[in-house]
Amino acid sequence: MLTRARSQMPEATERTVETVIGCAIEVHRRLGPGFLEGVYQDAMIIELDVAGLLARREVPVMLSYRGRPLREHRVDLIVEECVILELKAVDRLDRIHQAQLISYLRATGLRIGLLMNFNTEQLKSALRRVVL
């Protein structure tokens, strides 16, 4: 029997993450691979709403360097103000995609994010959880 490692995240955040993953699996089940990232983003907004979760898309985040503002960047989705979703529709996830998500977590001050590649036969194999 597999046991799940105990999380450092609040229980409500863990429930949100589990619901988000379920929503992503449903979107992938219904649409399958082959669309552009924006299509999956649109579908995720709908699926998250159906699940009763508040999600904001293309959320502006101000980047800074040495305490000075650099420029604004946009995060794909933020769910319930606690989980960042970085959506991809690529041949395979690379380390740079995970680095991008880590950078977004640092810039927003959020602690958990999900990297999802919808351009795969099984979403489960292309889903990464990142916790700072």
N, C-alpha and C. Protein backbone atom coordinates (compact mmCIF):
# COMPACT_ATOMS: atom_id res chain seq x y z
N MET A 1 0.85 -1.18 0.00
CA MET A 1 0.00 0.00 0.00
C MET A 1 0.90 1.25 0.00
N LEU A 2 0.54 2.22 -0.83
CA LEU A 2 1.27 3.47 -0.89
C LEU A 2 0.76 4.42 0.18
N THR A 3 1.67 5.13 0.79
CA THR A 3 1.27 6.15 1.76
C THR A 3 1.68 7.50 1.22
N ARG A 4 0.89 8.49 1.50
CA ARG A 4 1.16 9.84 1.05
C ARG A 4 1.95 10.59 2.11
N ALA A 5 2.99 11.27 1.67
CA ALA A 5 3.80 12.05 2.60
C ALA A 5 2.96 13.17 3.20
N ARG A 6 3.18 13.43 4.45
CA ARG A 6 2.45 14.49 5.13
C ARG A 6 2.88 15.84 4.57
N SER A 7 1.92 16.67 4.27
CA SER A 7 2.17 17.97 3.65
C SER A 7 2.34 19.05 4.70
N GLN A 8 3.12 20.06 4.34
CA GLN A 8 3.29 21.24 5.18
C GLN A 8 2.23 22.30 4.88
N MET A 9 1.42 22.05 3.89
CA MET A 9 0.39 23.01 3.48
C MET A 9 -0.84 22.89 4.38
N PRO A 10 -1.55 24.01 4.55
CA PRO A 10 -2.82 23.93 5.30
C PRO A 10 -3.79 22.96 4.61
N GLU A 11 -4.63 22.35 5.39
CA GLU A 11 -5.57 21.38 4.86
C GLU A 11 -6.45 21.97 3.75
N ALA A 12 -6.88 23.21 3.92
CA ALA A 12 -7.72 23.85 2.90
C ALA A 12 -6.96 23.99 1.58
N THR A 13 -5.67 24.30 1.66
CA THR A 13 -4.86 24.41 0.44
C THR A 13 -4.72 23.05 -0.22
N GLU A 14 -4.49 22.02 0.57
CA GLU A 14 -4.39 20.66 0.02
C GLU A 14 -5.68 20.25 -0.68
N ARG A 15 -6.82 20.57 -0.07
CA ARG A 15 -8.11 20.26 -0.71
C ARG A 15 -8.23 21.01 -2.04
N THR A 16 -7.80 22.28 -2.05
CA THR A 16 -7.85 23.06 -3.28
C THR A 16 -6.97 22.42 -4.36
N VAL A 17 -5.77 22.01 -3.99
CA VAL A 17 -4.85 21.37 -4.94
C VAL A 17 -5.48 20.10 -5.50
N GLU A 18 -6.06 19.28 -4.65
CA GLU A 18 -6.69 18.04 -5.10
C GLU A 18 -7.85 18.33 -6.05
N THR A 19 -8.65 19.33 -5.74
CA THR A 19 -9.77 19.69 -6.61
C THR A 19 -9.26 20.21 -7.95
N VAL A 20 -8.22 21.03 -7.93
CA VAL A 20 -7.64 21.57 -9.16
C VAL A 20 -7.13 20.43 -10.05
N ILE A 21 -6.45 19.47 -9.45
CA ILE A 21 -5.95 18.33 -10.23
C ILE A 21 -7.12 17.56 -10.84
N GLY A 22 -8.16 17.36 -10.08
CA GLY A 22 -9.36 16.70 -10.61
C GLY A 22 -9.96 17.47 -11.77
N CYS A 23 -9.99 18.79 -11.66
CA CYS A 23 -10.51 19.63 -12.75
C CYS A 23 -9.64 19.50 -13.99
N ALA A 24 -8.33 19.49 -13.80
CA ALA A 24 -7.42 19.36 -14.94
C ALA A 24 -7.58 18.00 -15.63
N ILE A 25 -7.74 16.97 -14.84
CA ILE A 25 -7.95 15.63 -15.42
C ILE A 25 -9.24 15.61 -16.23
N GLU A 26 -10.28 16.26 -15.71
CA GLU A 26 -11.55 16.32 -16.45
C GLU A 26 -11.41 17.09 -17.75
N VAL A 27 -10.71 18.22 -17.71
CA VAL A 27 -10.48 19.00 -18.94
C VAL A 27 -9.71 18.15 -19.95
N HIS A 28 -8.67 17.48 -19.49
CA HIS A 28 -7.88 16.65 -20.39
C HIS A 28 -8.69 15.48 -20.93
N ARG A 29 -9.51 14.89 -20.08
CA ARG A 29 -10.36 13.77 -20.51
C ARG A 29 -11.32 14.20 -21.62
N ARG A 30 -11.88 15.40 -21.47
CA ARG A 30 -12.86 15.89 -22.45
C ARG A 30 -12.23 16.43 -23.72
N LEU A 31 -11.08 17.12 -23.60
CA LEU A 31 -10.47 17.75 -24.77
C LEU A 31 -9.35 16.93 -25.39
N GLY A 32 -8.62 16.20 -24.55
CA GLY A 32 -7.47 15.45 -25.05
C GLY A 32 -6.33 16.38 -25.43
N PRO A 33 -5.22 15.81 -25.91
CA PRO A 33 -4.08 16.63 -26.32
C PRO A 33 -4.31 17.25 -27.69
N GLY A 34 -3.48 18.26 -28.02
CA GLY A 34 -3.48 18.79 -29.38
C GLY A 34 -3.91 20.23 -29.55
N PHE A 35 -4.44 20.84 -28.51
CA PHE A 35 -4.86 22.24 -28.61
C PHE A 35 -3.76 23.16 -28.10
N LEU A 36 -3.92 24.44 -28.39
CA LEU A 36 -3.00 25.44 -27.85
C LEU A 36 -3.30 25.67 -26.37
N GLU A 37 -2.31 26.19 -25.67
CA GLU A 37 -2.41 26.44 -24.23
C GLU A 37 -3.66 27.24 -23.86
N GLY A 38 -3.98 28.25 -24.65
CA GLY A 38 -5.12 29.12 -24.36
C GLY A 38 -6.44 28.38 -24.29
N VAL A 39 -6.60 27.34 -25.09
CA VAL A 39 -7.83 26.54 -25.06
C VAL A 39 -7.96 25.84 -23.71
N TYR A 40 -6.86 25.27 -23.23
CA TYR A 40 -6.88 24.60 -21.93
C TYR A 40 -7.10 25.60 -20.80
N GLN A 41 -6.55 26.78 -20.94
CA GLN A 41 -6.75 27.82 -19.94
C GLN A 41 -8.24 28.21 -19.87
N ASP A 42 -8.85 28.40 -21.02
CA ASP A 42 -10.29 28.71 -21.06
C ASP A 42 -11.12 27.59 -20.41
N ALA A 43 -10.79 26.35 -20.77
CA ALA A 43 -11.53 25.21 -20.23
C ALA A 43 -11.31 25.07 -18.72
N MET A 44 -10.10 25.33 -18.26
CA MET A 44 -9.82 25.25 -16.82
C MET A 44 -10.62 26.28 -16.03
N ILE A 45 -10.74 27.47 -16.57
CA ILE A 45 -11.54 28.51 -15.90
C ILE A 45 -12.98 28.01 -15.72
N ILE A 46 -13.53 27.40 -16.75
CA ILE A 46 -14.90 26.88 -16.68
C ILE A 46 -14.98 25.74 -15.67
N GLU A 47 -14.06 24.80 -15.76
CA GLU A 47 -14.09 23.63 -14.87
C GLU A 47 -13.89 24.02 -13.41
N LEU A 48 -12.99 24.97 -13.16
CA LEU A 48 -12.78 25.44 -11.79
C LEU A 48 -14.02 26.14 -11.25
N ASP A 49 -14.69 26.89 -12.11
CA ASP A 49 -15.93 27.55 -11.71
C ASP A 49 -17.01 26.51 -11.37
N VAL A 50 -17.12 25.48 -12.19
CA VAL A 50 -18.08 24.41 -11.93
C VAL A 50 -17.78 23.75 -10.58
N ALA A 51 -16.50 23.64 -10.25
CA ALA A 51 -16.10 23.03 -8.97
C ALA A 51 -16.25 23.99 -7.79
N GLY A 52 -16.63 25.23 -8.07
CA GLY A 52 -16.84 26.20 -7.00
C GLY A 52 -15.57 26.90 -6.53
N LEU A 53 -14.53 26.88 -7.36
CA LEU A 53 -13.28 27.53 -6.99
C LEU A 53 -13.13 28.86 -7.72
N LEU A 54 -12.62 29.84 -7.00
CA LEU A 54 -12.35 31.15 -7.58
C LEU A 54 -11.00 31.09 -8.27
N ALA A 55 -10.98 31.46 -9.55
CA ALA A 55 -9.72 31.45 -10.31
C ALA A 55 -9.59 32.75 -11.08
N ARG A 56 -8.37 33.29 -11.05
CA ARG A 56 -8.07 34.48 -11.85
C ARG A 56 -7.05 34.08 -12.91
N ARG A 57 -7.22 34.61 -14.12
CA ARG A 57 -6.32 34.25 -15.21
C ARG A 57 -5.48 35.43 -15.62
N GLU A 58 -4.31 35.13 -16.18
CA GLU A 58 -3.38 36.15 -16.65
C GLU A 58 -3.17 37.23 -15.58
N VAL A 59 -2.86 36.77 -14.37
CA VAL A 59 -2.72 37.66 -13.22
C VAL A 59 -1.41 38.44 -13.32
N PRO A 60 -1.49 39.79 -13.32
CA PRO A 60 -0.25 40.57 -13.41
C PRO A 60 0.54 40.49 -12.11
N VAL A 61 1.84 40.29 -12.26
CA VAL A 61 2.76 40.21 -11.12
C VAL A 61 3.94 41.13 -11.45
N MET A 62 4.23 42.05 -10.54
CA MET A 62 5.35 42.96 -10.74
C MET A 62 6.63 42.28 -10.28
N LEU A 63 7.58 42.17 -11.17
CA LEU A 63 8.88 41.62 -10.83
C LEU A 63 9.78 42.75 -10.35
N SER A 64 10.69 42.42 -9.45
CA SER A 64 11.59 43.46 -8.96
C SER A 64 13.01 42.92 -8.88
N TYR A 65 13.94 43.86 -8.85
CA TYR A 65 15.35 43.53 -8.73
C TYR A 65 15.97 44.56 -7.79
N ARG A 66 16.59 44.07 -6.71
CA ARG A 66 17.18 44.94 -5.70
C ARG A 66 16.17 45.96 -5.16
N GLY A 67 14.94 45.47 -5.02
CA GLY A 67 13.89 46.31 -4.46
C GLY A 67 13.29 47.29 -5.44
N ARG A 68 13.72 47.26 -6.69
CA ARG A 68 13.19 48.17 -7.70
C ARG A 68 12.35 47.39 -8.70
N PRO A 69 11.24 47.98 -9.12
CA PRO A 69 10.39 47.27 -10.08
C PRO A 69 11.09 47.10 -11.43
N LEU A 70 10.91 45.93 -12.01
CA LEU A 70 11.44 45.64 -13.34
C LEU A 70 10.35 45.79 -14.39
N ARG A 71 9.46 44.86 -14.37
CA ARG A 71 8.33 44.88 -15.30
C ARG A 71 7.27 43.91 -14.82
N GLU A 72 6.13 44.07 -15.39
CA GLU A 72 5.01 43.21 -15.03
C GLU A 72 5.08 41.93 -15.86
N HIS A 73 4.75 40.82 -15.23
CA HIS A 73 4.66 39.54 -15.93
C HIS A 73 3.29 38.95 -15.60
N ARG A 74 2.83 38.00 -16.37
CA ARG A 74 1.50 37.43 -16.16
C ARG A 74 1.58 35.94 -15.83
N VAL A 75 0.91 35.59 -14.75
CA VAL A 75 0.80 34.20 -14.32
C VAL A 75 -0.46 33.62 -14.95
N ASP A 76 -0.37 32.40 -15.47
CA ASP A 76 -1.52 31.80 -16.16
C ASP A 76 -2.79 31.84 -15.31
N LEU A 77 -2.77 31.16 -14.16
CA LEU A 77 -3.95 31.11 -13.29
C LEU A 77 -3.51 31.11 -11.83
N ILE A 78 -4.29 31.79 -11.00
CA ILE A 78 -4.15 31.67 -9.56
C ILE A 78 -5.51 31.25 -9.03
N VAL A 79 -5.53 30.14 -8.28
CA VAL A 79 -6.77 29.55 -7.79
C VAL A 79 -6.87 29.77 -6.28
N GLU A 80 -8.01 30.31 -5.88
CA GLU A 80 -8.31 30.53 -4.45
C GLU A 80 -7.20 31.32 -3.75
N GLU A 81 -6.50 32.14 -4.49
CA GLU A 81 -5.43 32.99 -3.96
C GLU A 81 -4.35 32.21 -3.23
N CYS A 82 -4.21 30.89 -3.57
CA CYS A 82 -3.19 30.10 -2.89
C CYS A 82 -2.42 29.15 -3.79
N VAL A 83 -2.90 28.88 -5.00
CA VAL A 83 -2.25 27.92 -5.88
C VAL A 83 -2.04 28.55 -7.26
N ILE A 84 -0.79 28.50 -7.74
CA ILE A 84 -0.50 28.96 -9.09
C ILE A 84 -0.58 27.77 -10.04
N LEU A 85 -1.23 27.99 -11.19
CA LEU A 85 -1.25 26.98 -12.24
C LEU A 85 -0.47 27.51 -13.42
N GLU A 86 0.52 26.77 -13.84
CA GLU A 86 1.26 27.11 -15.05
C GLU A 86 0.92 26.02 -16.07
N LEU A 87 0.18 26.41 -17.09
CA LEU A 87 -0.31 25.47 -18.08
C LEU A 87 0.59 25.47 -19.31
N LYS A 88 0.81 24.29 -19.84
CA LYS A 88 1.62 24.13 -21.05
C LYS A 88 0.91 23.20 -22.02
N ALA A 89 1.26 23.34 -23.28
CA ALA A 89 0.82 22.42 -24.33
C ALA A 89 2.04 22.20 -25.22
N VAL A 90 3.01 21.46 -24.69
CA VAL A 90 4.31 21.28 -25.35
C VAL A 90 4.60 19.79 -25.51
N ASP A 91 5.62 19.47 -26.31
CA ASP A 91 5.99 18.07 -26.52
C ASP A 91 6.40 17.40 -25.21
N ARG A 92 7.16 18.13 -24.39
CA ARG A 92 7.56 17.59 -23.09
C ARG A 92 7.90 18.75 -22.17
N LEU A 93 7.74 18.52 -20.88
CA LEU A 93 8.12 19.53 -19.90
C LEU A 93 9.63 19.54 -19.76
N ASP A 94 10.20 20.73 -19.70
CA ASP A 94 11.63 20.91 -19.49
C ASP A 94 11.87 21.56 -18.14
N ARG A 95 13.11 21.53 -17.70
CA ARG A 95 13.46 22.16 -16.42
C ARG A 95 13.13 23.65 -16.42
N ILE A 96 13.22 24.30 -17.57
CA ILE A 96 12.93 25.74 -17.63
C ILE A 96 11.47 26.02 -17.27
N HIS A 97 10.57 25.10 -17.57
CA HIS A 97 9.15 25.28 -17.21
C HIS A 97 8.98 25.26 -15.69
N GLN A 98 9.68 24.35 -15.04
CA GLN A 98 9.61 24.29 -13.58
C GLN A 98 10.28 25.53 -12.97
N ALA A 99 11.39 25.96 -13.56
CA ALA A 99 12.06 27.18 -13.08
C ALA A 99 11.14 28.39 -13.20
N GLN A 100 10.37 28.43 -14.27
CA GLN A 100 9.41 29.52 -14.47
C GLN A 100 8.38 29.53 -13.34
N LEU A 101 7.85 28.37 -13.03
CA LEU A 101 6.86 28.27 -11.95
C LEU A 101 7.48 28.68 -10.61
N ILE A 102 8.69 28.25 -10.34
CA ILE A 102 9.36 28.63 -9.09
C ILE A 102 9.53 30.14 -9.03
N SER A 103 9.89 30.75 -10.14
CA SER A 103 10.03 32.21 -10.18
C SER A 103 8.70 32.90 -9.89
N TYR A 104 7.61 32.37 -10.43
CA TYR A 104 6.29 32.95 -10.16
C TYR A 104 5.92 32.82 -8.70
N LEU A 105 6.23 31.67 -8.11
CA LEU A 105 5.94 31.48 -6.69
C LEU A 105 6.70 32.51 -5.85
N ARG A 106 7.96 32.69 -6.16
CA ARG A 106 8.76 33.67 -5.41
C ARG A 106 8.22 35.09 -5.61
N ALA A 107 7.86 35.43 -6.83
CA ALA A 107 7.39 36.79 -7.13
C ALA A 107 6.05 37.09 -6.46
N THR A 108 5.20 36.07 -6.31
CA THR A 108 3.88 36.29 -5.71
C THR A 108 3.86 36.08 -4.21
N GLY A 109 4.86 35.34 -3.69
CA GLY A 109 4.84 34.99 -2.27
C GLY A 109 3.98 33.78 -1.97
N LEU A 110 3.42 33.16 -3.00
CA LEU A 110 2.64 31.94 -2.79
C LEU A 110 3.60 30.77 -2.64
N ARG A 111 3.13 29.68 -2.04
CA ARG A 111 4.02 28.57 -1.71
C ARG A 111 3.84 27.33 -2.57
N ILE A 112 2.72 27.23 -3.29
CA ILE A 112 2.48 25.99 -4.03
C ILE A 112 2.00 26.30 -5.44
N GLY A 113 2.51 25.50 -6.38
CA GLY A 113 2.10 25.66 -7.76
C GLY A 113 2.03 24.31 -8.45
N LEU A 114 1.26 24.26 -9.51
CA LEU A 114 1.14 23.06 -10.32
C LEU A 114 1.53 23.39 -11.75
N LEU A 115 2.43 22.59 -12.30
CA LEU A 115 2.84 22.70 -13.69
C LEU A 115 2.15 21.56 -14.42
N MET A 116 1.37 21.91 -15.46
CA MET A 116 0.58 20.91 -16.17
C MET A 116 0.81 21.01 -17.67
N ASN A 117 1.14 19.87 -18.28
CA ASN A 117 1.28 19.82 -19.72
C ASN A 117 0.11 19.02 -20.30
N PHE A 118 -0.76 19.71 -21.02
CA PHE A 118 -1.94 19.07 -21.57
C PHE A 118 -1.67 18.34 -22.88
N ASN A 119 -0.48 18.50 -23.45
CA ASN A 119 -0.16 17.86 -24.72
C ASN A 119 0.48 16.50 -24.48
N THR A 120 -0.27 15.63 -23.83
CA THR A 120 0.21 14.30 -23.47
C THR A 120 -0.97 13.34 -23.45
N GLU A 121 -0.67 12.06 -23.58
CA GLU A 121 -1.75 11.07 -23.56
C GLU A 121 -2.39 10.95 -22.18
N GLN A 122 -1.56 11.04 -21.12
CA GLN A 122 -2.07 10.98 -19.76
C GLN A 122 -1.56 12.19 -18.99
N LEU A 123 -2.48 13.01 -18.52
CA LEU A 123 -2.10 14.22 -17.79
C LEU A 123 -1.30 13.89 -16.54
N LYS A 124 -1.64 12.80 -15.88
CA LYS A 124 -0.99 12.40 -14.64
C LYS A 124 0.53 12.33 -14.80
N SER A 125 1.00 11.91 -15.96
CA SER A 125 2.44 11.78 -16.18
C SER A 125 3.10 13.13 -16.52
N ALA A 126 2.30 14.16 -16.73
CA ALA A 126 2.83 15.48 -17.12
C ALA A 126 2.38 16.57 -16.14
N LEU A 127 2.28 16.18 -14.89
CA LEU A 127 1.86 17.11 -13.86
C LEU A 127 2.95 17.16 -12.78
N ARG A 128 3.38 18.37 -12.45
CA ARG A 128 4.41 18.55 -11.43
C ARG A 128 3.88 19.47 -10.34
N ARG A 129 4.11 19.09 -9.13
CA ARG A 129 3.74 19.89 -7.96
C ARG A 129 5.01 20.53 -7.43
N VAL A 130 5.00 21.84 -7.24
CA VAL A 130 6.17 22.55 -6.75
C VAL A 130 5.77 23.30 -5.47
N VAL A 131 6.53 23.07 -4.41
CA VAL A 131 6.26 23.72 -3.13
C VAL A 131 7.53 24.44 -2.69
N LEU A 132 7.38 25.70 -2.32
CA LEU A 132 8.52 26.45 -1.76
C LEU A 132 8.45 26.42 -0.25
